[in-house]
Protein backbone atom coordinates (compact mmCIF):
# COMPACT_ATOMS: atom_id res chain seq x y z
CA MET A 1 52.14 -11.89 128.48
CA ALA A 2 48.49 -12.43 126.63
CA ASP A 3 47.65 -14.67 124.25
CA ASN A 4 48.36 -13.12 120.87
CA ILE A 5 44.83 -13.64 118.57
CA LYS A 6 46.18 -14.51 115.19
CA LEU A 7 44.41 -13.12 111.76
CA ILE A 8 43.88 -16.64 110.65
CA LYS A 9 44.40 -20.41 111.74
CA PRO A 10 44.46 -23.22 109.28
CA TYR A 11 41.36 -25.65 109.15
CA ILE A 12 43.51 -28.59 109.05
CA ALA A 13 45.30 -30.79 112.00
CA PHE A 14 47.82 -33.53 111.32
CA ALA A 15 45.23 -35.25 112.74
CA ASP A 16 42.97 -34.79 109.93
CA ILE A 17 45.15 -36.45 107.35
CA LYS A 18 47.54 -39.15 109.34
CA ASN A 19 46.28 -42.47 108.14
CA GLU A 20 46.10 -41.00 104.34
CA LEU A 21 49.49 -40.06 104.66
CA GLU A 22 50.91 -42.69 106.06
CA ASP A 23 49.33 -44.44 102.75
CA VAL A 24 50.82 -41.75 100.69
CA PHE A 25 54.79 -43.08 102.57
CA GLU A 26 53.70 -46.93 102.17
CA SER A 27 52.69 -46.82 98.44
CA GLY A 28 55.82 -44.13 97.44
CA MET A 29 53.95 -42.48 94.86
CA PHE A 30 54.39 -38.52 95.79
CA THR A 31 52.31 -37.58 92.30
CA LYS A 32 49.82 -37.55 90.02
CA GLY A 33 48.29 -40.19 92.49
CA VAL A 34 44.96 -40.63 93.75
CA ASN A 35 44.67 -37.53 96.38
CA VAL A 36 45.84 -35.74 93.22
CA ASP A 37 42.63 -37.18 91.53
CA LYS A 38 40.44 -37.05 94.49
CA PHE A 39 40.74 -33.52 94.88
CA GLN A 40 40.44 -32.79 91.50
CA GLU A 41 37.07 -34.36 91.65
CA GLN A 42 36.04 -32.76 94.74
CA LEU A 43 36.37 -29.40 93.49
CA LYS A 44 34.90 -30.40 90.44
CA SER A 45 32.08 -31.68 92.33
CA TYR A 46 31.84 -28.69 94.85
CA THR A 47 31.66 -25.76 92.17
CA GLU A 48 29.54 -27.80 89.42
CA ALA A 49 32.30 -27.09 86.96
CA ALA A 50 33.13 -29.02 84.24
CA HIS A 51 37.14 -29.33 84.54
CA CYS A 52 40.27 -28.73 87.13
CA PHE A 53 43.64 -28.36 86.75
CA LEU A 54 45.72 -28.11 89.94
CA THR A 55 48.66 -25.47 89.69
CA THR A 56 51.24 -24.41 92.27
CA SER A 57 49.58 -21.08 93.26
CA ALA A 58 46.89 -18.63 92.13
CA THR A 59 49.60 -16.97 89.79
CA THR A 60 50.43 -19.63 87.90
CA ALA A 61 46.76 -19.87 87.59
CA LEU A 62 46.20 -16.34 86.40
CA SER A 63 49.35 -17.07 83.97
CA ILE A 64 48.48 -19.86 82.38
CA CYS A 65 44.88 -18.77 81.65
CA LEU A 66 46.33 -15.44 79.94
CA GLN A 67 48.41 -17.81 77.47
CA CYS A 68 45.09 -20.21 77.17
CA ILE A 69 43.04 -17.28 75.65
CA GLY A 70 46.14 -16.26 73.77
CA ILE A 71 47.08 -13.14 75.11
CA LYS A 72 49.97 -11.88 74.01
CA SER A 73 52.45 -9.11 74.25
CA GLY A 74 51.04 -5.53 73.69
CA ASP A 75 47.34 -6.67 74.48
CA LYS A 76 45.17 -4.75 76.90
CA VAL A 77 44.00 -6.82 79.54
CA ALA A 78 41.11 -4.63 81.99
CA ILE A 79 42.06 -5.90 85.56
CA SER A 80 39.69 -4.86 89.13
CA ASP A 81 42.62 -2.88 90.73
CA TYR A 82 41.91 -3.48 93.91
CA SER A 83 43.74 -6.77 94.51
CA TRP A 84 46.82 -8.63 95.49
CA PRO A 85 49.83 -7.15 93.27
CA ALA A 86 50.18 -10.83 90.92
CA THR A 87 46.69 -9.88 89.34
CA ALA A 88 48.36 -7.16 87.55
CA HIS A 89 51.72 -8.92 87.90
CA VAL A 90 50.83 -11.91 85.35
CA VAL A 91 49.83 -9.34 82.84
CA GLU A 92 52.83 -7.59 82.29
CA GLU A 93 55.09 -10.64 82.40
CA ILE A 94 53.42 -11.75 79.11
CA GLY A 95 54.42 -8.27 77.86
CA ALA A 96 50.59 -7.57 77.85
CA ILE A 97 49.10 -3.93 79.49
CA PRO A 98 47.00 -3.66 82.66
CA VAL A 99 44.31 -1.78 82.17
CA PHE A 100 43.35 -0.76 86.14
CA ILE A 101 39.40 -0.59 86.63
CA ASP A 102 38.42 1.42 89.18
CA VAL A 103 36.12 -0.49 92.20
CA ASP A 104 32.75 -0.06 93.74
CA ILE A 105 33.82 1.72 97.16
CA ASP A 106 31.45 -0.95 99.13
CA THR A 107 31.69 -4.27 97.68
CA PHE A 108 35.38 -3.21 96.74
CA ASN A 109 35.25 -5.02 93.08
CA MET A 110 35.18 -4.05 89.70
CA LYS A 111 32.97 -0.96 88.85
CA LEU A 112 30.78 -1.80 85.94
CA SER A 113 30.39 1.99 84.78
CA SER A 114 33.89 2.10 84.99
CA LEU A 115 34.91 -0.47 82.92
CA LEU A 116 32.37 0.72 80.33
CA GLU A 117 34.32 3.88 80.11
CA ILE A 118 36.98 1.93 78.49
CA ILE A 119 36.19 -1.20 76.93
CA ASP A 120 36.55 -1.25 73.42
CA SER A 121 38.20 -3.38 70.70
CA ASP A 122 41.61 -3.23 72.38
CA ILE A 123 40.42 -4.95 75.27
CA LYS A 124 41.33 -8.62 74.57
CA ALA A 125 40.67 -9.96 78.37
CA VAL A 126 38.59 -8.91 81.46
CA ILE A 127 40.35 -10.05 84.93
CA PHE A 128 37.39 -9.48 87.70
CA VAL A 129 38.81 -10.25 91.67
CA ASP A 130 36.44 -11.39 93.88
CA ALA A 131 37.94 -9.54 96.15
CA LEU A 132 38.43 -11.17 99.91
CA GLY A 133 36.45 -13.61 98.34
CA ASN A 134 33.00 -11.50 97.53
CA PRO A 135 31.83 -12.25 94.24
CA SER A 136 29.27 -9.41 94.30
CA GLY A 137 28.93 -7.52 90.35
CA ILE A 138 30.49 -10.60 88.98
CA GLU A 139 27.09 -11.27 86.71
CA ASP A 140 26.90 -7.91 85.32
CA ILE A 141 30.75 -8.14 83.92
CA ALA A 142 30.29 -11.30 82.78
CA LYS A 143 27.16 -10.16 80.30
CA ILE A 144 28.99 -7.04 79.03
CA CYS A 145 31.77 -10.17 78.40
CA LYS A 146 29.61 -12.62 76.62
CA GLU A 147 27.82 -9.52 74.62
CA LYS A 148 31.31 -8.13 73.28
CA LYS A 149 32.85 -11.77 73.19
CA ILE A 150 35.54 -10.55 75.65
CA PRO A 151 37.06 -13.55 77.46
CA LEU A 152 36.49 -13.41 81.20
CA ILE A 153 38.64 -15.02 83.94
CA GLU A 154 38.01 -14.45 87.76
CA ASP A 155 40.81 -13.79 89.87
CA SER A 156 38.86 -16.11 93.01
CA ALA A 157 42.22 -16.40 95.19
CA CYS A 158 39.96 -16.18 98.11
CA GLY A 159 36.62 -17.40 96.61
CA LEU A 160 36.22 -20.71 96.81
CA GLY A 161 32.88 -21.73 99.10
CA SER A 162 31.32 -18.26 97.56
CA SER A 163 28.42 -18.00 95.19
CA VAL A 164 26.11 -15.89 93.66
CA ALA A 165 22.06 -16.48 92.77
CA GLY A 166 22.68 -20.23 94.14
CA LYS A 167 25.73 -20.68 91.35
CA LYS A 168 29.32 -21.48 93.15
CA ILE A 169 32.29 -19.70 92.14
CA GLY A 170 34.10 -21.65 89.30
CA ASN A 171 30.98 -22.26 87.64
CA ILE A 172 30.33 -18.85 86.15
CA ALA A 173 33.01 -17.05 84.58
CA ASP A 174 35.25 -18.45 81.24
CA LEU A 175 38.10 -19.42 83.74
CA THR A 176 38.64 -19.05 87.10
CA CYS A 177 41.44 -19.59 89.48
CA PHE A 178 41.36 -20.68 93.13
CA SER A 179 44.25 -19.96 96.08
CA PHE A 180 45.45 -22.34 99.00
CA HIS A 181 48.10 -19.99 100.22
CA PRO A 182 47.45 -20.10 103.97
CA ARG A 183 45.12 -17.56 104.46
CA LYS A 184 42.94 -18.77 102.63
CA LEU A 185 39.87 -21.38 104.17
CA ILE A 186 41.33 -24.28 101.95
CA THR A 187 45.33 -24.75 102.55
CA THR A 188 47.81 -26.88 100.61
CA GLY A 189 50.72 -24.21 101.70
CA GLU A 190 50.76 -23.02 98.30
CA GLY A 191 48.84 -24.18 95.78
CA GLY A 192 45.92 -23.19 92.92
CA ALA A 193 43.74 -24.27 90.20
CA VAL A 194 41.71 -23.67 87.11
CA MET A 195 38.18 -24.42 86.55
CA THR A 196 36.36 -23.32 83.45
CA ASN A 197 33.27 -25.20 81.44
CA ASN A 198 35.32 -24.68 77.89
CA SER A 199 35.94 -27.80 76.51
CA ASP A 200 38.48 -26.21 74.38
CA TYR A 201 40.15 -24.68 76.94
CA ALA A 202 40.43 -27.85 79.09
CA ARG A 203 42.17 -29.44 76.03
CA TRP A 204 44.81 -26.86 75.75
CA MET A 205 45.21 -26.82 79.64
CA LYS A 206 45.64 -30.64 79.27
CA VAL A 207 48.53 -30.39 77.24
CA LYS A 208 50.13 -27.63 78.77
CA LEU A 209 50.26 -28.39 82.12
CA ALA A 210 51.79 -31.71 81.20
CA VAL A 211 54.93 -30.50 80.13
CA GLY A 212 53.73 -30.16 76.64
CA VAL A 213 52.93 -34.45 76.17
CA SER A 214 49.77 -34.69 74.06
CA GLY A 215 50.40 -38.90 74.36
CA MET A 216 52.48 -41.70 72.77
CA LYS A 217 54.53 -42.29 69.98
CA ASP A 218 56.94 -44.94 69.57
CA ASN A 219 56.41 -46.34 72.87
CA ILE A 220 57.69 -42.84 74.27
CA LEU A 221 55.92 -39.35 75.46
CA ASP A 222 55.02 -37.72 72.73
CA PHE A 223 56.28 -33.85 73.13
CA THR A 224 54.02 -31.78 70.43
CA THR A 225 54.72 -28.55 72.58
CA TYR A 226 55.94 -26.74 75.52
CA GLY A 227 54.38 -26.64 78.53
CA TYR A 228 55.09 -26.71 82.24
CA ASN A 229 55.35 -28.28 86.05
CA TYR A 230 52.87 -26.76 87.96
CA ARG A 231 51.77 -29.81 89.71
CA LEU A 232 50.89 -29.97 93.47
CA SER A 233 52.23 -33.09 94.78
CA GLU A 234 49.95 -35.60 96.32
CA ILE A 235 50.49 -34.40 100.09
CA GLN A 236 49.42 -31.22 98.88
CA ALA A 237 46.24 -32.67 97.35
CA LEU A 238 45.66 -34.70 100.68
CA MET A 239 45.09 -31.80 102.68
CA GLY A 240 42.80 -30.13 100.08
CA TRP A 241 40.47 -32.53 99.61
CA LYS A 242 40.05 -33.39 103.46
CA GLN A 243 39.38 -29.40 103.84
CA VAL A 244 36.64 -29.40 100.98
CA GLU A 245 34.52 -32.16 102.87
CA LYS A 246 34.00 -29.20 105.52
CA LEU A 247 34.29 -25.56 103.68
CA ASP A 248 30.50 -24.85 103.87
CA SER A 249 30.55 -25.31 107.84
CA ILE A 250 33.90 -23.21 107.73
CA THR A 251 31.93 -20.62 105.64
CA GLU A 252 28.56 -20.79 107.41
CA GLU A 253 31.00 -20.41 111.13
CA ARG A 254 33.06 -17.39 109.76
CA ASN A 255 28.99 -15.29 108.54
CA LEU A 256 28.31 -15.90 111.78
CA ILE A 257 31.18 -14.16 113.46
CA ALA A 258 31.49 -12.01 110.68
CA ASP A 259 27.82 -11.04 111.59
CA VAL A 260 28.80 -10.52 115.34
CA TYR A 261 31.13 -7.94 114.84
CA GLU A 262 29.21 -6.27 112.14
CA ASN A 263 26.22 -5.75 115.23
CA LYS A 264 28.71 -4.40 117.39
CA LEU A 265 31.09 -2.12 115.18
CA SER A 266 28.40 -0.52 112.84
CA GLU A 267 27.42 1.94 115.44
CA TYR A 268 30.37 3.15 115.88
CA GLY A 269 31.27 4.05 111.86
CA PHE A 270 32.40 0.80 110.77
CA SER A 271 31.33 -0.39 107.23
CA ARG A 272 31.44 -4.05 106.47
CA GLN A 273 32.07 -4.81 102.87
CA LYS A 274 28.96 -5.02 100.69
CA ARG A 275 27.24 -8.11 99.41
CA ASP A 276 25.09 -8.12 96.38
CA GLY A 277 21.25 -9.49 97.65
CA ASN A 278 22.09 -12.91 95.94
CA VAL A 279 25.70 -13.11 96.85
CA TYR A 280 26.56 -15.89 99.14
CA HIS A 281 29.84 -14.60 100.72
CA ASN A 282 32.88 -17.21 102.35
CA VAL A 283 34.36 -14.35 104.65
CA GLN A 284 37.91 -15.40 103.35
CA SER A 285 38.78 -12.02 105.14
CA LEU A 286 36.25 -9.98 107.12
CA VAL A 287 37.00 -6.52 106.55
CA PHE A 288 35.65 -2.76 107.84
CA LYS A 289 36.27 0.60 105.82
CA VAL A 290 37.29 2.49 109.07
CA PRO A 291 35.31 5.60 110.16
CA LYS A 292 36.66 9.01 108.88
CA HIS A 293 38.08 10.24 112.10
CA LEU A 294 40.16 7.11 112.69
CA ILE A 295 43.52 6.25 110.97
CA ARG A 296 43.47 2.89 110.29
CA ASP A 297 47.25 2.45 110.15
CA GLU A 298 46.93 3.83 114.15
CA LEU A 299 44.12 1.17 114.78
CA ILE A 300 46.53 -1.80 113.40
CA SER A 301 49.11 -0.75 115.76
CA HIS A 302 46.34 -0.33 118.72
CA LEU A 303 45.69 -3.77 118.21
CA ALA A 304 49.22 -5.07 117.68
CA LEU A 305 49.95 -3.29 120.85
CA HIS A 306 47.23 -6.02 122.70
CA ASN A 307 49.00 -8.97 120.46
CA ILE A 308 45.78 -8.70 118.02
CA GLU A 309 46.91 -9.27 114.67
CA SER A 310 45.16 -7.30 111.66
CA THR A 311 46.03 -5.59 108.79
CA LEU A 312 45.15 -3.74 105.53
CA GLY A 313 42.29 -4.86 103.19
CA THR A 314 44.40 -5.20 99.49
CA TYR A 315 46.15 -2.84 97.52
CA CYS A 316 45.41 -0.27 95.05
CA LEU A 317 47.59 -1.95 92.47
CA SER A 318 47.71 1.74 90.34
CA SER A 319 49.28 3.31 93.15
CA THR A 320 52.10 0.69 93.76
CA THR A 321 55.76 2.21 92.67
CA TYR A 322 56.19 0.15 89.79
CA TYR A 323 52.47 0.81 88.51
CA SER A 324 51.97 4.10 89.14
CA VAL A 325 54.74 5.02 87.57
CA LYS A 326 54.96 2.87 84.78
CA TYR A 327 51.25 3.64 83.75
CA ASN A 328 50.08 6.85 85.62
CA SER A 329 46.88 6.11 86.13
CA VAL A 330 45.90 5.98 90.20
CA GLN A 331 42.37 4.78 90.83
CA LYS A 332 40.30 6.84 93.57
CA ALA A 333 38.10 4.30 95.06
CA SER A 334 40.88 1.41 95.00
CA SER A 335 43.68 3.91 96.97
CA GLU A 336 40.64 5.00 99.41
CA LEU A 337 40.25 1.56 100.23
CA GLU A 338 44.03 1.02 100.53
CA LYS A 339 44.19 3.67 103.24
CA CYS A 340 40.65 3.06 105.01
CA ALA A 341 39.85 -0.69 105.12
CA ILE A 342 41.23 -3.40 108.08
CA THR A 343 40.83 -7.15 107.92
CA LEU A 344 40.34 -8.58 111.49
CA PRO A 345 40.60 -11.77 112.59
CA CYS A 346 37.37 -14.26 112.57
CA TYR A 347 37.70 -17.93 113.08
CA LYS A 348 36.22 -20.62 115.65
CA ASN A 349 36.23 -18.83 119.32
CA VAL A 350 38.07 -15.93 118.14
CA ASP A 351 37.78 -13.28 121.43
CA VAL A 352 35.21 -11.15 119.11
CA ASP A 353 34.54 -9.32 122.57
CA LYS A 354 37.88 -8.54 123.25
CA ILE A 355 38.90 -7.08 120.14
CA THR A 356 35.83 -5.30 119.45
CA ASN A 357 35.93 -3.57 122.77
CA LEU A 358 39.04 -2.56 122.34
CA ILE A 359 38.16 -1.10 118.72
CA ILE A 360 35.16 1.08 120.32
CA GLU A 361 37.38 2.09 123.09
CA PHE A 362 39.81 2.95 120.79
CA SER A 363 37.36 4.59 117.76
CA GLN A 364 35.56 6.55 121.23
CA ALA A 365 39.29 8.05 122.41
CA ARG A 366 40.40 9.20 119.32
CA LYS A 367 36.88 11.03 118.62
CA LEU A 368 37.20 12.87 121.37
CA THR A 369 40.30 13.83 120.94
CA SER A 370 39.50 15.06 117.02
CA VAL A 371 36.56 16.95 118.90
CA THR A 372 38.25 18.90 121.07
């Protein structure tokens, strides 16, 4: 049986953390230690953001950001419609109303004209998603949010390592959320982070993410508000900072591999996710729109028969059962992308020739069938 080609492989091995892991066990400090501090400092240094707060996931990061900017039940929050459902779930959970904004069919990101059609005084925040790590369009959205004094949260679960005009993601929106899930370029198993340059937000986060502790009173902890334990452990943080050190080389390698795919597939009608000219994409996911004569799911099944993992791009939130029934606001481009986008394996030593040859053979066979 042929070896399975996985969709993604982590960029960390046990040998990378072995020595420091022994130090963690010898110290007995499994939380709030040197590795947590180092991971936070490295993320700040890498993104050039002023403040970093680690969380258990991008979902909890998004949730705490909504609370930080004062979103409450009944408020409307404009969100990119093409994303992992957590983007909408955190709005729904707080009792606010997600307003689904359609995306650009080529970049897969929130479309400025679609946002302008609905933005008014009822919109209390905007969540822009760096779809699959691509931040194209964030500058225009940020400009509108600034003009209208609407807080901008960047759901950059996939975006660490990307940049716009040389400015790293994490240093553009009012609040930026990262994920360290196993499909991300940096993984801590599970985990997330919030980045911000806003000192008021940072002061609020510091207390809330310390379970509400703001200092000491009568020699004991002073809980001045309610708060949360969304901490990463020392072991998770150790995994994290070890990968930050090689993040740029990872993204450079993935871009080279993505270019090879594009060169081989573009002439057969496969369209790679578009990036703005001033955008550096980390290629967290390598995604193509399949040509119109193909059914994307049939291609996924065909690759699986040859032990090659692939999957959809991501989800049209407004067409999921829950949100379509409740809000009846399915977005056209996002819905189309959910049906036609495919994610392909992209990492060191992946057999691009094998994968692309199978895709081309399948595509050509289907094209002949459709003609006859």
